[in-house]
C-alpha atoms as a PDB file:
ATOM      1  CA  MET A   1      63.997 286.511 120.240  1.00  0.00           C
ATOM      2  CA  LEU A   2      64.660 284.273 123.225  1.00  0.00           C
ATOM      3  CA  ALA A   3      60.995 284.368 124.184  1.00  0.00           C
ATOM      4  CA  ASN A   4      59.644 283.430 120.746  1.00  0.00           C
ATOM      5  CA  VAL A   5      61.755 283.043 117.622  1.00  0.00           C
ATOM      6  CA  ASP A   6      58.590 282.766 115.514  1.00  0.00           C
ATOM      7  CA  THR A   7      57.493 286.338 116.305  1.00  0.00           C
ATOM      8  CA  ALA A   8      60.852 287.992 116.948  1.00  0.00           C
ATOM      9  CA  PRO A   9      61.784 290.966 114.744  1.00  0.00           C
ATOM     10  CA  ILE A  10      64.609 289.163 112.938  1.00  0.00           C
ATOM     11  CA  PRO A  11      65.318 288.470 109.258  1.00  0.00           C
ATOM     12  CA  GLU A  12      63.446 285.476 107.811  1.00  0.00           C
ATOM     13  CA  LYS A  13      66.797 283.911 106.900  1.00  0.00           C
ATOM     14  CA  ASP A  14      67.777 283.847 110.583  1.00  0.00           C
ATOM     15  CA  ARG A  15      64.326 282.666 111.675  1.00  0.00           C
ATOM     16  CA  ALA A  16      64.611 279.678 109.313  1.00  0.00           C
ATOM     17  CA  LEU A  17      67.944 278.626 110.797  1.00  0.00           C
ATOM     18  CA  TYR A  18      66.876 279.141 114.417  1.00  0.00           C
ATOM     19  CA  SER A  19      63.662 277.190 113.851  1.00  0.00           C
ATOM     20  CA  PHE A  20      65.680 274.378 112.297  1.00  0.00           C
ATOM     21  CA  ILE A  21      68.070 274.360 115.248  1.00  0.00           C
ATOM     22  CA  ARG A  22      65.158 274.409 117.710  1.00  0.00           C
ATOM     23  CA  LYS A  23      63.776 271.280 116.022  1.00  0.00           C
ATOM     24  CA  THR A  24      67.226 269.692 115.976  1.00  0.00           C
ATOM     25  CA  VAL A  25      67.657 270.258 119.708  1.00  0.00           C
ATOM     26  CA  ALA A  26      64.140 269.091 120.581  1.00  0.00           C
ATOM     27  CA  ASP A  27      64.111 265.933 118.450  1.00  0.00           C
ATOM     28  CA  SER A  28      67.050 265.392 116.116  1.00  0.00           C
ATOM     29  CA  LEU A  29      65.585 262.126 114.810  1.00  0.00           C
ATOM     30  CA  SER A  30      62.649 264.051 113.330  1.00  0.00           C
ATOM     31  CA  ILE A  31      64.834 266.139 110.995  1.00  0.00           C
ATOM     32  CA  THR A  32      64.014 265.426 107.356  1.00  0.00           C
ATOM     33  CA  GLN A  33      65.524 266.429 104.051  1.00  0.00           C
ATOM     34  CA  GLY A  34      62.638 268.878 103.757  1.00  0.00           C
ATOM     35  CA  ASP A  35      63.800 270.648 106.929  1.00  0.00           C
ATOM     36  CA  VAL A  36      67.302 271.006 105.526  1.00  0.00           C
ATOM     37  CA  ASP A  37      65.940 272.136 102.158  1.00  0.00           C
ATOM     38  CA  ARG A  38      63.920 274.923 103.839  1.00  0.00           C
ATOM     39  CA  VAL A  39      67.022 276.253 105.582  1.00  0.00           C
ATOM     40  CA  ARG A  40      69.006 276.069 102.361  1.00  0.00           C
ATOM     41  CA  ALA A  41      66.184 277.838 100.478  1.00  0.00           C
ATOM     42  CA  ALA A  42      66.317 280.636 103.085  1.00  0.00           C
ATOM     43  CA  GLY A  43      69.894 281.311 102.000  1.00  0.00           C
ATOM     44  CA  TRP A  44      72.099 279.159 104.221  1.00  0.00           C
ATOM     45  CA  SER A  45      74.899 277.101 102.699  1.00  0.00           C
ATOM     46  CA  GLU A  46      75.527 273.438 103.424  1.00  0.00           C
ATOM     47  CA  SER A  47      78.594 274.353 105.462  1.00  0.00           C
ATOM     48  CA  ALA A  48      76.664 276.954 107.505  1.00  0.00           C
ATOM     49  CA  ILE A  49      73.949 274.390 108.277  1.00  0.00           C
ATOM     50  CA  TYR A  50      76.595 271.840 109.232  1.00  0.00           C
ATOM     51  CA  ASP A  51      78.329 274.396 111.467  1.00  0.00           C
ATOM     52  CA  ALA A  52      75.055 275.336 113.163  1.00  0.00           C
ATOM     53  CA  ILE A  53      74.236 271.690 113.872  1.00  0.00           C
ATOM     54  CA  THR A  54      77.761 271.065 115.163  1.00  0.00           C
ATOM     55  CA  VAL A  55      77.849 274.093 117.466  1.00  0.00           C
ATOM     56  CA  CYS A  56      74.444 273.286 118.935  1.00  0.00           C
ATOM     57  CA  ALA A  57      75.313 269.611 119.400  1.00  0.00           C
ATOM     58  CA  LEU A  58      78.544 270.519 121.168  1.00  0.00           C
ATOM     59  CA  PHE A  59      76.779 272.957 123.482  1.00  0.00           C
ATOM     60  CA  GLN A  60      74.167 270.312 124.287  1.00  0.00           C
ATOM     61  CA  PHE A  61      76.970 267.912 125.141  1.00  0.00           C
ATOM     62  CA  TYR A  62      78.802 270.484 127.264  1.00  0.00           C
ATOM     63  CA  ASN A  63      75.656 271.512 129.125  1.00  0.00           C
ATOM     64  CA  THR A  64      74.742 267.893 129.844  1.00  0.00           C
ATOM     65  CA  TRP A  65      78.265 267.099 130.998  1.00  0.00           C
ATOM     66  CA  ILE A  66      78.462 270.177 133.221  1.00  0.00           C
ATOM     67  CA  ASP A  67      75.032 269.587 134.752  1.00  0.00           C
ATOM     68  CA  ALA A  68      75.665 265.898 135.407  1.00  0.00           C
ATOM     69  CA  SER A  69      79.242 266.220 136.667  1.00  0.00           C
ATOM     70  CA  GLY A  70      78.591 269.117 139.007  1.00  0.00           C
ATOM     71  CA  VAL A  71      81.128 271.463 137.439  1.00  0.00           C
ATOM     72  CA  GLN A  72      80.568 274.925 138.850  1.00  0.00           C
ATOM     73  CA  ASP A  73      80.225 278.139 136.873  1.00  0.00           C
ATOM     74  CA  LEU A  74      82.964 280.749 137.014  1.00  0.00           C
ATOM     75  CA  PRO A  75      82.420 283.654 139.390  1.00  0.00           C
ATOM     76  CA  ALA A  76      81.912 287.053 137.703  1.00  0.00           C
ATOM     77  CA  ILE A  77      85.571 287.995 138.228  1.00  0.00           C
ATOM     78  CA  GLY A  78      86.611 284.877 136.297  1.00  0.00           C
ATOM     79  CA  TYR A  79      84.623 286.015 133.257  1.00  0.00           C
ATOM     80  CA  GLU A  80      86.056 289.520 133.584  1.00  0.00           C
ATOM     81  CA  MET A  81      89.609 288.172 133.708  1.00  0.00           C
ATOM     82  CA  SER A  82      88.962 285.822 130.783  1.00  0.00           C
ATOM     83  CA  GLY A  83      87.418 288.633 128.729  1.00  0.00           C
ATOM     84  CA  HIS A  84      90.372 290.900 129.445  1.00  0.00           C
ATOM     85  CA  ARG A  85      92.856 288.172 128.478  1.00  0.00           C
ATOM     86  CA  LEU A  86      90.995 287.402 125.246  1.00  0.00           C
ATOM     87  CA  ALA A  87      90.740 291.109 124.373  1.00  0.00           C
ATOM     88  CA  THR A  88      94.418 291.771 124.985  1.00  0.00           C
ATOM     89  CA  GLU A  89      96.011 288.457 124.007  1.00  0.00           C
ATOM     90  CA  GLY A  90      93.478 286.769 121.718  1.00  0.00           C
ATOM     91  CA  TYR A  91      92.498 283.095 121.662  1.00  0.00           C
ATOM     92  CA  ALA A  92      95.811 281.542 120.705  1.00  0.00           C
ATOM     93  CA  GLU A  93      99.010 281.823 122.642  1.00  0.00           C
ATOM     94  CA  THR A  94     101.646 283.651 120.632  1.00  0.00           C
ATOM     95  CA  GLU A  95     105.100 282.213 120.300  1.00  0.00           C
ATOM     96  CA  LYS A  96     107.516 283.627 122.797  1.00  0.00           C
ATOM     97  CA  PRO A  97     111.031 284.429 121.631  1.00  0.00           C
ATOM     98  CA  ALA A  98     113.613 281.840 122.629  1.00  0.00           C
ATOM     99  CA  PRO A  99     115.737 282.853 125.624  1.00  0.00           C
ATOM    100  CA  LYS A 100     119.131 284.279 124.701  1.00  0.00           C
END
């Protein structure tokens, strides 16, 4: 799929969304109501389309910020530690009981 979303063996519903996102990333000013209507006709809700646009826009921002500011990637052990923490503790910190 990463090589060519147009020929990847994925459901047409997914292909419609990924093609829309590809166009959004390449030239967001060229998005028309027709583009949105095609994604909706493929079975995506307004909120799913909004979420897809938002997630992609945020990742574009983060990637640009990281590239331009020189922030370095985590070493492999950092990802392992983060994955372990997320798997065992989840995303949100749980409330700790008040000291007695």
